[in-house]
Amino acid sequence: MAVEDDFSVTRTGDREIAIRRTFAASPTAVFEAMTEPAQLRRWLSAGSRKLTVCEVDLREGGSYRYVFEGEGGATFGMGGTYREVVVGERIVNTESYDGYEWKPLVVTTRFAAIDEQRTRIEIAVLYPSKEICDRDAPNLEDGAPTYRRLAELLASEDEAR
């Protein structure tokens, strides 16, 4: 199955950015790939950094922690708390990065079935200030290859069935 690239990043307000991507898989499959540590380790990265720590307590009030390691052993960590989890439909969580003192971002991810074989994710990222959003916005386009890896993983799992 061919993997389409329809990744988009759109500034939707002074402090908010929307990320959208369609996957050739059900909302349940996409949700699981984005929340289960074994699957996250197969596709999630931060640029050229590999995911080395992946802890997920997927429940309201639960937390997550990711640590990425790059060449030479340099690490980059992030994590947050789940505010809302509706399996296969929506996740609302905070997101903080090691070494940054600003308040956490609030991230809302929605999983919407387009049809039985396609799902669109819509991620709304709310920043604590316009200045931080301005600084981070150009970097979000760099996420396209990571979501392409997720699309390829989902396509390969579909072909294996």
Protein backbone atom coordinates (compact mmCIF):
# COMPACT_ATOMS: atom_id res chain seq x y z
CA MET A 1 0.00 0.00 0.00
CA ALA A 2 1.35 3.43 -0.91
CA VAL A 3 1.84 5.85 1.95
CA GLU A 4 0.49 9.33 1.29
CA ASP A 5 2.11 12.43 2.74
CA ASP A 6 -0.52 14.93 3.82
CA PHE A 7 1.20 16.25 6.94
CA SER A 8 0.36 19.89 7.64
CA VAL A 9 1.19 22.44 10.30
CA THR A 10 -1.02 25.52 10.57
CA ARG A 11 -0.85 28.47 12.93
CA THR A 12 -4.40 28.81 14.27
CA GLY A 13 -3.89 31.63 16.79
CA ASP A 14 -1.30 33.65 18.67
CA ARG A 15 -0.58 30.70 20.96
CA GLU A 16 -1.89 27.70 19.03
CA ILE A 17 -0.73 25.46 16.21
CA ALA A 18 -2.64 22.62 14.52
CA ILE A 19 -0.92 19.55 13.12
CA ARG A 20 -2.86 17.21 10.81
CA ARG A 21 -2.03 13.88 9.21
CA THR A 22 -4.09 11.08 7.64
CA PHE A 23 -3.19 7.42 8.10
CA ALA A 24 -4.38 4.32 6.26
CA ALA A 25 -5.54 2.60 9.44
CA SER A 26 -8.42 2.58 11.90
CA PRO A 27 -8.58 5.08 14.78
CA THR A 28 -7.90 2.20 17.18
CA ALA A 29 -4.73 1.17 15.32
CA VAL A 30 -3.46 4.76 15.15
CA PHE A 31 -4.31 5.38 18.81
CA GLU A 32 -2.43 2.23 19.88
CA ALA A 33 0.60 3.12 17.74
CA MET A 34 0.71 6.55 19.37
CA THR A 35 0.31 5.34 22.96
CA GLU A 36 1.84 1.87 23.39
CA PRO A 37 5.56 1.92 24.27
CA ALA A 38 6.45 -1.08 22.08
CA GLN A 39 4.97 0.67 19.05
CA LEU A 40 6.26 4.14 19.94
CA ARG A 41 9.80 2.75 20.01
CA ARG A 42 9.37 1.64 16.39
CA TRP A 43 8.57 5.06 14.92
CA LEU A 44 8.93 7.99 17.33
CA SER A 45 12.09 10.07 17.13
CA ALA A 46 13.26 13.63 17.67
CA GLY A 47 15.17 14.44 14.52
CA SER A 48 18.05 11.99 14.33
CA ARG A 49 17.68 11.05 18.00
CA LYS A 50 16.45 7.56 18.87
CA LEU A 51 13.83 6.97 21.57
CA THR A 52 15.65 5.22 24.44
CA VAL A 53 13.22 5.74 27.34
CA CYS A 54 9.50 5.35 26.79
CA GLU A 55 7.24 5.25 29.84
CA VAL A 56 3.47 5.58 29.41
CA ASP A 57 0.79 5.48 32.14
CA LEU A 58 -2.16 6.13 29.83
CA ARG A 59 -4.97 7.25 32.12
CA GLU A 60 -6.37 10.51 33.41
CA GLY A 61 -3.77 11.74 35.89
CA GLY A 62 -1.16 9.33 34.52
CA SER A 63 2.10 10.51 33.04
CA TYR A 64 4.52 9.80 30.22
CA ARG A 65 8.26 10.26 29.79
CA TYR A 66 10.37 10.04 26.64
CA VAL A 67 14.14 10.37 26.40
CA PHE A 68 15.84 10.56 23.02
CA GLU A 69 19.53 9.88 22.47
CA GLY A 70 21.56 11.25 19.61
CA GLU A 71 24.98 10.60 18.22
CA GLY A 72 27.66 10.93 20.86
CA GLY A 73 25.20 10.08 23.63
CA ALA A 74 23.58 13.50 24.01
CA THR A 75 20.05 13.14 25.40
CA PHE A 76 16.85 15.14 25.13
CA GLY A 77 13.90 14.44 27.44
CA MET A 78 10.27 15.39 27.60
CA GLY A 79 7.12 14.31 29.38
CA GLY A 80 3.82 15.33 30.84
CA THR A 81 0.55 14.35 32.42
CA TYR A 82 -2.62 13.01 30.82
CA ARG A 83 -5.61 15.24 31.55
CA GLU A 84 -8.12 13.26 29.49
CA VAL A 85 -7.99 9.92 27.69
CA VAL A 86 -10.84 8.62 25.53
CA VAL A 87 -9.49 5.47 23.88
CA GLY A 88 -9.52 5.70 20.09
CA GLU A 89 -10.94 9.24 20.13
CA ARG A 90 -9.01 11.86 22.09
CA ILE A 91 -6.05 12.54 24.37
CA VAL A 92 -5.41 15.79 26.23
CA ASN A 93 -2.02 16.06 27.90
CA THR A 94 0.58 18.51 29.09
CA GLU A 95 4.03 18.53 27.51
CA SER A 96 7.26 19.83 29.06
CA TYR A 97 10.83 19.67 27.82
CA ASP A 98 13.93 19.13 29.94
CA GLY A 99 15.92 22.33 30.34
CA TYR A 100 13.06 24.73 29.57
CA GLU A 101 11.50 26.73 32.38
CA TRP A 102 8.25 27.76 30.72
CA LYS A 103 4.84 26.39 31.71
CA PRO A 104 3.84 23.16 29.97
CA LEU A 105 2.17 23.09 26.58
CA VAL A 106 -1.34 21.63 26.40
CA VAL A 107 -1.74 19.15 23.57
CA THR A 108 -5.11 17.84 22.37
CA THR A 109 -4.98 14.93 19.91
CA ARG A 110 -8.17 13.86 18.15
CA PHE A 111 -8.51 10.63 16.16
CA ALA A 112 -11.27 10.85 13.54
CA ALA A 113 -12.37 8.01 11.26
CA ILE A 114 -12.63 9.15 7.66
CA ASP A 115 -13.85 5.71 6.65
CA GLU A 116 -13.16 2.14 7.80
CA GLN A 117 -9.56 2.24 6.59
CA ARG A 118 -8.43 5.83 7.14
CA THR A 119 -7.98 8.04 10.18
CA ARG A 120 -7.14 11.72 10.45
CA ILE A 121 -5.33 12.92 13.55
CA GLU A 122 -5.64 16.54 14.51
CA ILE A 123 -3.24 17.79 17.15
CA ALA A 124 -3.83 21.21 18.71
CA VAL A 125 -0.78 22.53 20.56
CA LEU A 126 -1.49 25.41 22.97
CA TYR A 127 1.62 27.30 24.07
CA PRO A 128 1.93 29.29 27.31
CA SER A 129 2.81 32.46 25.36
CA LYS A 130 2.89 33.93 21.86
CA GLU A 131 6.66 34.31 22.09
CA ILE A 132 7.22 30.60 22.75
CA CYS A 133 4.79 29.68 19.98
CA ASP A 134 6.63 32.02 17.58
CA ARG A 135 9.94 30.39 18.48
CA ASP A 136 8.68 26.78 18.18
CA ALA A 137 6.37 27.04 15.15
CA PRO A 138 9.09 26.74 12.47
CA ASN A 139 10.41 23.53 14.09
CA LEU A 140 7.11 21.64 13.87
CA GLU A 141 7.47 21.02 10.13
CA ASP A 142 10.45 18.82 11.08
CA GLY A 143 7.92 16.27 12.39
CA ALA A 144 6.87 15.18 8.89
CA PRO A 145 9.43 12.33 8.60
CA THR A 146 8.45 10.99 12.01
CA TYR A 147 4.78 10.80 11.06
CA ARG A 148 5.77 9.24 7.73
CA ARG A 149 7.51 6.46 9.71
CA LEU A 150 4.27 5.97 11.65
CA ALA A 151 2.31 5.78 8.38
CA GLU A 152 4.77 3.19 7.04
CA LEU A 153 4.52 1.15 10.26
CA LEU A 154 0.72 1.15 10.10
CA ALA A 155 0.79 0.19 6.40
CA SER A 156 3.21 -2.68 7.03
CA GLU A 157 1.08 -4.00 9.88
CA ASP A 158 -2.01 -3.81 7.68
CA GLU A 159 -0.24 -5.76 4.92
CA ALA A 160 0.86 -8.41 7.45
CA ARG A 161 -2.79 -9.13 8.37
